[in-house]
Amino acid sequence: MFRGRFPLRVRHRACRITLGNNRRRRLTRSHSAPSPEAAPIDDINRRAPSVQGGAAPGRSGVSPSLTTAERITASPVRIPMANTASFGNNPARPRVGITMGDAAGIGPEIVMKSIGHPELYEQCQPLVVGDAGRLGEAGRLVGGALKVNAIGHPSEARFVPGVVNCIDLKLIPEGMPWGRVSPICGDAAYQYVARAVELARAGEIAAICTAPLNKEALRAGGHIFPGHTEMLAHLTGTQEVSMMLSTPKLKVIHVTGHLGLLEAIAKIEPGLVERTIARAQMMLVQAGWVRPRIGVCGINPHAGEHGLFGSGEEESKIEPAVRACQARGWDVQGPLPADALFFRAGRGDFDIIVAMYHDQGHAPVKVLGIDAGVNITVGLPIIRTSVDHGTAFDIAGTGKADERSLLAAIQQAVEFVPKGSGLPISR
């Protein structure tokens, strides 16, 4: 069930976006106003030397798609009517570009299911970038009554319930098999994202929300990226970004991403840790936190136990960054043992955790439920959110996929669009 300021606020297992009505709670529990020194985050970002958190474009990084069907199997989802009182009589509706993802996966199905909620149009203008024919096939699979409006430009869209507006790239042949790795689908998934980036940079959409792609198919299609994060950094010319996962109970930002463990540890250094903390601070302040409470994980068991474990990585790689951020007046603690830190964050002691490597941050989030997570790329010049699950080839084409993570990701994108930003917003 969804409730709160936004009707798409996902409760219990699905992602509840902790903005809106929760903003007041965060403001009142802050201990002090932000330090004047908290402003120059951009200076830190400008010192970034490379794409953070993963392999640079051109690096191999294939990982298997999600195959746990029961974790993203459809269940009834109801969205109550919007409470527009807090917006006045003319609520703003940012235009969100939704990329269709891998056409052989569950992306087309969850896109059609999500836009099938008519109340979504009270919150935003959903604009799909994909293949109109494939969306039509998915619509028949899920049993919806939506009409797909194939268009070439956002100006041709009709943003009304019952209509799915699709920037139609016409890349998927009719009858493409579901649930199989295809270079055609891999290339198409890249092209959808590239077109969405063009639209965002042209000011035609306010944010991008991505359905899942398949990394093996992406490689087969000639695009050697470990995932969306690195692809978007390449397409926007961004030197360094961070991967952030958001769930109802937990927010995690990663210092490194799609790298082997030894390579990730070698990559960690004080400047990268400091810039990652800075991006966490910036993102939460923009979202309404006055003084975010940031917990920083160690690398070794027990955060090294003062040199007992490891080779002094906490002292050499993490502590200088934590001290630098504390000197800016930010509420940062660490390095702390990761197991204890995630427990404390779960009970409300921290607003966000800084994880040192991929699985350190991802594993606790996955335990909370795949349909609870939203993936956010922090540091891009555009707003980008995503589901936190894969293409689920084992159930693709069955109509069983659960759309709740995509609904949560769309809402998160809406929440982060700065009001008065000049981005395409309808009233």
Protein backbone atom coordinates (compact mmCIF):
# COMPACT_ATOMS: atom_id res chain seq x y z
CA MET A 1 0.00 0.00 0.00
CA PHE A 2 1.17 3.50 -0.76
CA ARG A 3 0.44 6.50 1.39
CA GLY A 4 1.78 9.86 2.53
CA ARG A 5 2.46 13.08 0.69
CA PHE A 6 3.08 11.17 -2.53
CA PRO A 7 0.61 8.39 -3.32
CA LEU A 8 3.47 6.27 -4.60
CA ARG A 9 5.14 6.11 -1.20
CA VAL A 10 5.86 2.39 -0.93
CA ARG A 11 5.29 0.86 2.47
CA HIS A 12 6.72 -2.24 4.21
CA ARG A 13 8.79 -4.30 1.69
CA ALA A 14 8.77 -1.78 -1.11
CA CYS A 15 10.80 1.40 -0.90
CA ARG A 16 9.35 4.22 1.18
CA ILE A 17 11.05 7.40 0.05
CA THR A 18 12.05 9.22 3.20
CA LEU A 19 11.25 12.71 2.03
CA GLY A 20 7.90 14.51 2.00
CA ASN A 21 6.20 14.11 5.36
CA ASN A 22 9.33 12.63 6.93
CA ARG A 23 11.31 15.79 6.24
CA ARG A 24 9.97 17.46 9.39
CA ARG A 25 11.19 14.56 11.52
CA ARG A 26 14.67 14.82 10.08
CA LEU A 27 14.81 18.56 10.65
CA THR A 28 13.80 18.31 14.27
CA ARG A 29 16.32 15.63 15.17
CA SER A 30 19.26 17.56 13.72
CA HIS A 31 21.54 18.88 16.39
CA SER A 32 22.70 22.01 14.66
CA ALA A 33 22.50 23.98 11.44
CA PRO A 34 24.88 23.00 8.67
CA SER A 35 28.33 24.47 8.90
CA PRO A 36 29.22 27.24 6.44
CA GLU A 37 32.13 24.99 5.50
CA ALA A 38 29.70 22.39 4.15
CA ALA A 39 29.20 24.30 0.91
CA PRO A 40 32.26 23.65 -1.25
CA ILE A 41 31.36 20.07 -2.19
CA ASP A 42 31.81 20.92 -5.85
CA ASP A 43 35.46 21.68 -5.14
CA ILE A 44 35.92 18.10 -3.95
CA ASN A 45 34.14 16.71 -6.99
CA ARG A 46 36.34 18.71 -9.33
CA ARG A 47 39.41 16.96 -7.90
CA ALA A 48 38.07 13.55 -8.95
CA PRO A 49 40.54 11.72 -11.17
CA SER A 50 38.48 8.84 -12.58
CA VAL A 51 35.11 7.10 -12.68
CA GLN A 52 34.48 6.09 -9.08
CA GLY A 53 33.37 2.73 -7.95
CA GLY A 54 34.10 0.55 -10.94
CA ALA A 55 35.84 -0.23 -14.14
CA ALA A 56 36.29 2.52 -16.66
CA PRO A 57 34.48 2.27 -20.01
CA GLY A 58 36.00 -0.52 -22.04
CA ARG A 59 36.64 -2.79 -19.08
CA SER A 60 35.10 -6.23 -18.89
CA GLY A 61 32.65 -6.69 -16.06
CA VAL A 62 29.99 -9.31 -16.76
CA SER A 63 27.90 -10.48 -13.84
CA PRO A 64 24.86 -12.78 -13.84
CA SER A 65 21.34 -11.38 -13.96
CA LEU A 66 18.89 -11.89 -11.15
CA THR A 67 17.21 -15.28 -11.33
CA THR A 68 15.30 -15.41 -8.04
CA ALA A 69 11.82 -15.29 -9.46
CA GLU A 70 9.95 -15.31 -6.19
CA ARG A 71 11.65 -12.12 -5.01
CA ILE A 72 10.19 -10.04 -7.82
CA THR A 73 6.99 -11.93 -8.54
CA ALA A 74 3.87 -9.86 -8.92
CA SER A 75 1.70 -9.10 -5.94
CA PRO A 76 -1.28 -6.76 -5.70
CA VAL A 77 -0.29 -3.11 -5.48
CA ARG A 78 -2.82 -0.35 -4.90
CA ILE A 79 -2.10 3.36 -5.05
CA PRO A 80 -4.65 5.60 -3.33
CA MET A 81 -5.71 8.89 -4.83
CA ALA A 82 -3.17 11.67 -4.55
CA ASN A 83 -3.23 14.09 -1.68
CA THR A 84 -2.56 17.27 -3.60
CA ALA A 85 -3.28 19.64 -0.76
CA SER A 86 0.38 20.11 0.05
CA PHE A 87 1.02 21.21 -3.55
CA GLY A 88 -1.84 23.69 -3.84
CA ASN A 89 -4.36 23.37 -6.65
CA ASN A 90 -1.76 22.89 -9.43
CA PRO A 91 0.77 20.26 -8.39
CA ALA A 92 4.06 20.24 -10.29
CA ARG A 93 4.64 17.16 -12.43
CA PRO A 94 8.27 16.63 -13.48
CA ARG A 95 8.82 14.74 -16.71
CA VAL A 96 10.68 11.51 -15.93
CA GLY A 97 12.36 9.56 -18.74
CA ILE A 98 12.02 5.81 -18.12
CA THR A 99 14.38 3.62 -20.12
CA MET A 100 12.91 0.24 -21.04
CA GLY A 101 16.00 -1.80 -20.17
CA ASP A 102 16.77 -5.14 -21.81
CA ALA A 103 13.81 -6.00 -24.02
CA ALA A 104 14.23 -9.72 -23.31
CA GLY A 105 13.96 -9.19 -19.55
CA ILE A 106 11.21 -7.98 -17.26
CA GLY A 107 11.82 -4.29 -18.02
CA PRO A 108 8.95 -3.86 -20.53
CA GLU A 109 6.54 -5.63 -18.18
CA ILE A 110 7.32 -3.59 -15.07
CA VAL A 111 7.24 -0.38 -17.13
CA MET A 112 3.72 -1.19 -18.35
CA LYS A 113 2.58 -2.24 -14.88
CA SER A 114 3.98 0.92 -13.31
CA ILE A 115 2.41 3.30 -15.81
CA GLY A 116 -0.79 1.32 -15.44
CA HIS A 117 -1.27 3.03 -12.09
CA PRO A 118 -3.25 6.11 -13.19
CA GLU A 119 -2.26 8.04 -10.07
CA LEU A 120 1.33 8.06 -11.31
CA TYR A 121 0.33 10.85 -13.68
CA GLU A 122 -0.62 13.03 -10.73
CA GLN A 123 3.02 12.95 -9.63
CA CYS A 124 4.95 13.13 -12.88
CA GLN A 125 4.90 12.86 -16.66
CA PRO A 126 6.29 9.37 -17.37
CA LEU A 127 8.00 9.20 -20.76
CA VAL A 128 9.37 5.83 -21.85
CA VAL A 129 12.45 5.60 -24.05
CA GLY A 130 12.34 2.19 -25.70
CA ASP A 131 10.42 0.20 -28.26
CA ALA A 132 6.70 0.76 -28.67
CA GLY A 133 6.09 -2.66 -30.21
CA ARG A 134 7.76 -4.46 -27.32
CA LEU A 135 5.78 -2.43 -24.81
CA GLY A 136 2.62 -3.46 -26.61
CA GLU A 137 3.64 -7.13 -26.29
CA ALA A 138 4.35 -6.63 -22.58
CA GLY A 139 1.02 -4.92 -22.10
CA ARG A 140 -0.78 -7.94 -23.48
CA LEU A 141 1.25 -10.22 -21.20
CA VAL A 142 0.35 -8.31 -18.04
CA GLY A 143 -3.28 -7.93 -19.05
CA GLY A 144 -3.40 -4.15 -19.04
CA ALA A 145 -5.56 -1.89 -21.16
CA LEU A 146 -2.96 0.79 -21.83
CA LYS A 147 -2.52 2.35 -25.24
CA VAL A 148 1.09 2.78 -26.37
CA ASN A 149 1.64 6.14 -28.09
CA ALA A 150 4.73 5.81 -30.30
CA ILE A 151 6.37 9.20 -30.70
CA GLY A 152 9.63 10.68 -31.89
CA HIS A 153 9.82 13.72 -29.60
CA PRO A 154 8.44 14.60 -26.14
CA SER A 155 6.35 17.40 -27.67
CA GLU A 156 4.16 14.72 -29.26
CA ALA A 157 3.30 13.09 -25.93
CA ARG A 158 -0.16 13.01 -24.32
CA PHE A 159 0.37 12.70 -20.57
CA VAL A 160 -2.97 11.27 -19.50
CA PRO A 161 -3.83 8.06 -17.65
CA GLY A 162 -4.28 5.09 -19.93
CA VAL A 163 -1.60 6.22 -22.39
CA VAL A 164 2.05 5.12 -22.39
CA ASN A 165 4.14 7.65 -24.30
CA CYS A 166 7.19 5.98 -25.85
CA ILE A 167 10.09 7.58 -27.68
CA ASP A 168 10.19 4.71 -30.15
CA LEU A 169 13.67 3.75 -31.33
CA LYS A 170 12.31 0.73 -33.28
CA LEU A 171 15.27 -1.52 -32.46
CA ILE A 172 13.53 -4.74 -31.36
CA PRO A 173 12.20 -7.15 -34.01
CA GLU A 174 8.69 -8.46 -33.55
CA GLY A 175 8.63 -11.79 -31.71
CA MET A 176 12.01 -11.38 -30.01
CA PRO A 177 12.26 -14.29 -27.49
CA TRP A 178 11.91 -13.47 -23.81
CA GLY A 179 14.47 -14.57 -21.24
CA ARG A 180 17.47 -15.01 -23.55
CA VAL A 181 20.71 -13.08 -23.92
CA SER A 182 20.59 -11.14 -27.17
CA PRO A 183 23.12 -8.72 -28.67
CA ILE A 184 20.20 -6.88 -30.28
CA CYS A 185 18.59 -6.31 -26.90
CA GLY A 186 21.97 -5.42 -25.33
CA ASP A 187 22.66 -2.77 -27.95
CA ALA A 188 19.10 -1.46 -27.70
CA ALA A 189 19.37 -1.10 -23.91
CA TYR A 190 22.45 1.08 -24.43
CA GLN A 191 20.71 3.16 -27.10
CA TYR A 192 17.72 3.81 -24.81
CA VAL A 193 20.00 5.19 -22.10
CA ALA A 194 22.01 7.25 -24.58
CA ARG A 195 18.82 8.82 -25.96
CA ALA A 196 17.53 9.54 -22.45
CA VAL A 197 20.79 11.30 -21.62
CA GLU A 198 20.40 13.42 -24.77
CA LEU A 199 16.88 14.36 -23.72
CA ALA A 200 18.01 15.22 -20.18
CA ARG A 201 20.89 17.37 -21.37
CA ALA A 202 18.54 19.16 -23.78
CA GLY A 203 16.16 19.92 -20.91
CA GLU A 204 13.37 17.74 -22.33
CA ILE A 205 13.18 15.53 -19.23
CA ALA A 206 13.88 16.33 -15.59
CA ALA A 207 15.23 12.94 -14.53
CA ILE A 208 16.07 9.44 -15.78
CA CYS A 209 14.77 6.21 -14.24
CA THR A 210 16.24 3.01 -15.68
CA ALA A 211 14.72 -0.46 -15.94
CA PRO A 212 17.28 -3.29 -15.67
CA LEU A 213 19.71 -4.24 -18.40
CA ASN A 214 21.67 -7.47 -18.80
CA LYS A 215 25.44 -7.04 -18.62
CA GLU A 216 26.18 -10.09 -20.76
CA ALA A 217 23.81 -8.85 -23.46
CA LEU A 218 25.31 -5.38 -23.20
CA ARG A 219 28.75 -6.82 -23.92
CA ALA A 220 27.41 -8.95 -26.73
CA GLY A 221 25.93 -5.79 -28.24
CA GLY A 222 29.36 -4.16 -28.28
CA HIS A 223 29.13 -1.96 -25.19
CA ILE A 224 31.76 -2.87 -22.58
CA PHE A 225 30.48 -1.32 -19.37
CA PRO A 226 30.11 -3.01 -15.98
CA GLY A 227 26.66 -1.46 -15.60
CA HIS A 228 24.44 1.60 -15.80
CA THR A 229 26.61 3.62 -13.42
CA GLU A 230 29.75 3.53 -15.54
CA MET A 231 27.76 3.91 -18.76
CA LEU A 232 26.07 7.07 -17.53
CA ALA A 233 29.38 8.51 -16.34
CA HIS A 234 30.78 7.92 -19.83
CA LEU A 235 27.74 9.38 -21.63
CA THR A 236 27.73 12.52 -19.50
CA GLY A 237 31.50 12.99 -19.45
CA THR A 238 31.54 12.69 -15.66
CA GLN A 239 34.89 11.80 -14.14
CA GLU A 240 33.61 10.26 -10.93
CA VAL A 241 30.27 9.08 -9.59
CA SER A 242 29.02 7.04 -6.66
CA MET A 243 26.46 4.26 -6.47
CA MET A 244 23.86 4.75 -3.76
CA LEU A 245 21.22 2.24 -2.66
CA SER A 246 18.11 3.42 -0.85
CA THR A 247 15.62 1.27 1.08
CA PRO A 248 13.02 2.06 3.74
CA LYS A 249 15.51 1.30 6.52
CA LEU A 250 18.88 1.93 4.97
CA LYS A 251 20.81 4.16 2.60
CA VAL A 252 24.26 3.09 1.43
CA ILE A 253 26.77 4.86 -0.81
CA HIS A 254 29.78 2.99 -2.16
CA VAL A 255 33.40 4.10 -2.37
CA THR A 256 34.08 1.46 -5.03
CA GLY A 257 31.67 -0.52 -7.16
CA HIS A 258 32.12 -3.10 -9.89
CA LEU A 259 35.67 -4.18 -9.08
CA GLY A 260 37.24 -7.35 -7.76
CA LEU A 261 37.87 -7.20 -4.02
CA LEU A 262 41.66 -6.89 -4.22
CA GLU A 263 41.39 -4.23 -6.91
CA ALA A 264 38.76 -2.35 -4.91
CA ILE A 265 40.91 -2.24 -1.78
CA ALA A 266 43.89 -1.04 -3.81
CA LYS A 267 41.74 1.72 -5.31
CA ILE A 268 40.56 3.07 -1.95
CA GLU A 269 42.51 6.15 -0.87
CA PRO A 270 41.71 9.17 1.33
CA GLY A 271 40.73 11.48 -1.52
CA LEU A 272 38.24 9.01 -2.96
CA VAL A 273 36.75 8.31 0.45
CA GLU A 274 36.41 12.03 1.15
CA ARG A 275 34.72 12.70 -2.18
CA THR A 276 32.29 9.83 -1.60
CA ILE A 277 31.36 11.18 1.84
CA ALA A 278 30.93 14.61 0.26
CA ARG A 279 28.52 13.24 -2.34
CA ALA A 280 26.50 11.55 0.41
CA GLN A 281 26.38 14.83 2.34
CA MET A 282 25.34 16.77 -0.75
CA MET A 283 22.62 14.32 -1.78
CA LEU A 284 20.96 14.20 1.62
CA VAL A 285 21.15 17.96 2.19
CA GLN A 286 19.47 18.49 -1.20
CA ALA A 287 16.80 16.00 -0.14
CA GLY A 288 15.97 17.86 3.08
CA TRP A 289 18.33 16.67 5.81
CA VAL A 290 19.82 19.58 7.76
CA ARG A 291 22.76 17.64 9.22
CA PRO A 292 22.94 14.07 7.90
CA ARG A 293 24.48 11.48 10.20
CA ILE A 294 27.04 9.58 8.14
CA GLY A 295 28.65 6.31 9.24
CA VAL A 296 31.80 5.12 7.47
CA CYS A 297 32.68 1.42 7.27
CA GLY A 298 36.13 0.04 7.81
CA ILE A 299 37.72 -2.42 5.40
CA ASN A 300 38.95 -5.14 7.72
CA PRO A 301 37.06 -7.15 10.38
CA HIS A 302 36.38 -4.94 13.41
CA ALA A 303 37.67 -1.99 11.36
CA GLY A 304 41.20 -3.30 11.87
CA GLU A 305 41.00 -3.37 15.68
CA HIS A 306 43.78 -0.76 15.93
CA GLY A 307 46.15 -2.68 13.69
CA LEU A 308 45.28 -6.19 14.86
CA PHE A 309 43.71 -7.07 11.49
CA GLY A 310 44.95 -6.00 8.10
CA SER A 311 47.87 -3.76 7.26
CA GLY A 312 46.69 -0.44 8.64
CA GLU A 313 44.20 0.26 5.83
CA GLU A 314 41.78 2.07 8.13
CA GLU A 315 44.49 4.41 9.40
CA SER A 316 45.99 5.15 6.00
CA LYS A 317 42.98 5.07 3.66
CA ILE A 318 39.91 6.10 5.68
CA GLU A 319 40.74 8.07 8.81
CA PRO A 320 42.27 11.08 6.98
CA ALA A 321 39.09 11.44 4.94
CA VAL A 322 36.86 11.22 8.00
CA ARG A 323 38.90 13.87 9.79
CA ALA A 324 38.74 16.17 6.76
CA CYS A 325 34.96 15.86 6.58
CA GLN A 326 34.57 16.40 10.32
CA ALA A 327 36.64 19.57 9.96
CA ARG A 328 33.96 20.82 7.55
CA GLY A 329 31.40 20.51 10.32
CA TRP A 330 29.75 17.38 8.97
CA ASP A 331 28.44 14.66 11.29
CA VAL A 332 30.71 11.81 10.18
CA GLN A 333 31.80 8.82 12.28
CA GLY A 334 34.26 6.09 11.36
CA PRO A 335 35.86 3.96 10.34
CA LEU A 336 33.54 1.61 12.21
CA PRO A 337 33.11 -2.19 12.01
CA ALA A 338 30.74 -2.81 9.14
CA ASP A 339 28.60 -5.42 10.89
CA ALA A 340 27.93 -3.20 13.88
CA LEU A 341 27.47 -0.11 11.70
CA PHE A 342 24.73 -1.67 9.60
CA PHE A 343 22.96 -2.81 12.77
CA ARG A 344 23.13 0.70 14.23
CA ALA A 345 21.91 2.26 10.98
CA GLY A 346 18.99 -0.17 10.96
CA ARG A 347 17.89 1.06 14.37
CA GLY A 348 18.14 4.70 13.28
CA ASP A 349 21.55 5.88 14.50
CA PHE A 350 22.72 6.94 11.02
CA ASP A 351 21.07 8.38 7.93
CA ILE A 352 23.51 6.86 5.44
CA ILE A 353 26.40 4.40 5.43
CA VAL A 354 29.56 4.74 3.36
CA ALA A 355 30.55 1.21 2.24
CA MET A 356 34.08 0.57 1.00
CA TYR A 357 33.29 -2.05 -1.66
CA HIS A 358 30.37 -3.52 -3.60
CA ASP A 359 29.28 -6.50 -1.52
CA GLN A 360 29.89 -4.74 1.79
CA GLY A 361 27.05 -2.38 0.89
CA HIS A 362 24.90 -4.53 -1.36
CA ALA A 363 24.54 -7.62 0.81
CA PRO A 364 22.63 -5.94 3.68
CA VAL A 365 20.38 -4.15 1.20
CA LYS A 366 19.57 -7.38 -0.63
CA VAL A 367 18.67 -9.05 2.67
CA LEU A 368 15.99 -6.40 3.14
CA GLY A 369 14.34 -7.53 -0.12
CA ILE A 370 15.12 -6.84 -3.75
CA ASP A 371 11.81 -5.09 -4.28
CA ALA A 372 12.70 -2.61 -1.53
CA GLY A 373 15.74 -1.10 -3.19
CA VAL A 374 16.31 1.91 -5.39
CA ASN A 375 19.66 2.54 -7.05
CA ILE A 376 20.76 6.18 -7.42
CA THR A 377 23.80 7.45 -9.30
CA VAL A 378 25.23 10.34 -7.30
CA GLY A 379 27.53 12.89 -8.92
CA LEU A 380 26.01 13.01 -12.40
CA PRO A 381 24.86 16.31 -13.92
CA ILE A 382 21.43 14.66 -14.26
CA ILE A 383 19.15 12.86 -11.82
CA ARG A 384 19.19 9.09 -12.31
CA THR A 385 17.44 6.39 -10.30
CA SER A 386 16.92 2.71 -11.01
CA VAL A 387 15.46 -0.51 -9.73
CA ASP A 388 17.81 -2.56 -7.59
CA HIS A 389 17.20 -5.88 -9.30
CA GLY A 390 18.19 -7.49 -12.57
CA THR A 391 16.45 -8.61 -15.74
CA ALA A 392 15.07 -11.82 -14.18
CA PHE A 393 15.23 -13.82 -17.40
CA ASP A 394 13.71 -16.83 -15.59
CA ILE A 395 10.32 -15.10 -15.32
CA ALA A 396 10.53 -12.65 -18.24
CA GLY A 397 7.56 -12.95 -20.55
CA THR A 398 5.28 -14.47 -17.90
CA GLY A 399 3.68 -11.27 -16.63
CA LYS A 400 4.63 -12.16 -13.04
CA ALA A 401 7.25 -9.45 -12.39
CA ASP A 402 6.59 -7.06 -9.51
CA GLU A 403 6.73 -3.36 -10.41
CA ARG A 404 7.13 -1.95 -6.89
CA SER A 405 10.86 -1.25 -7.10
CA LEU A 406 10.36 0.67 -10.36
CA LEU A 407 7.49 2.65 -8.84
CA ALA A 408 9.74 3.54 -5.91
CA ALA A 409 12.57 4.52 -8.27
CA ILE A 410 10.26 6.80 -10.26
CA GLN A 411 9.10 8.49 -7.08
CA GLN A 412 12.66 8.90 -5.88
CA ALA A 413 13.47 10.63 -9.17
CA VAL A 414 10.48 12.96 -8.67
CA GLU A 415 11.58 13.75 -5.13
CA PHE A 416 15.08 14.80 -6.19
CA VAL A 417 14.03 17.14 -9.01
CA PRO A 418 14.82 20.63 -7.67
CA LYS A 419 11.72 22.77 -7.67
CA GLY A 420 12.22 25.96 -9.62
CA SER A 421 15.13 24.37 -11.47
CA GLY A 422 13.87 25.28 -14.92
CA LEU A 423 13.58 21.57 -15.79
CA PRO A 424 10.48 20.45 -17.70
CA ILE A 425 7.69 20.56 -15.14
CA SER A 426 4.01 20.72 -16.00
CA ARG A 427 1.49 22.54 -13.84
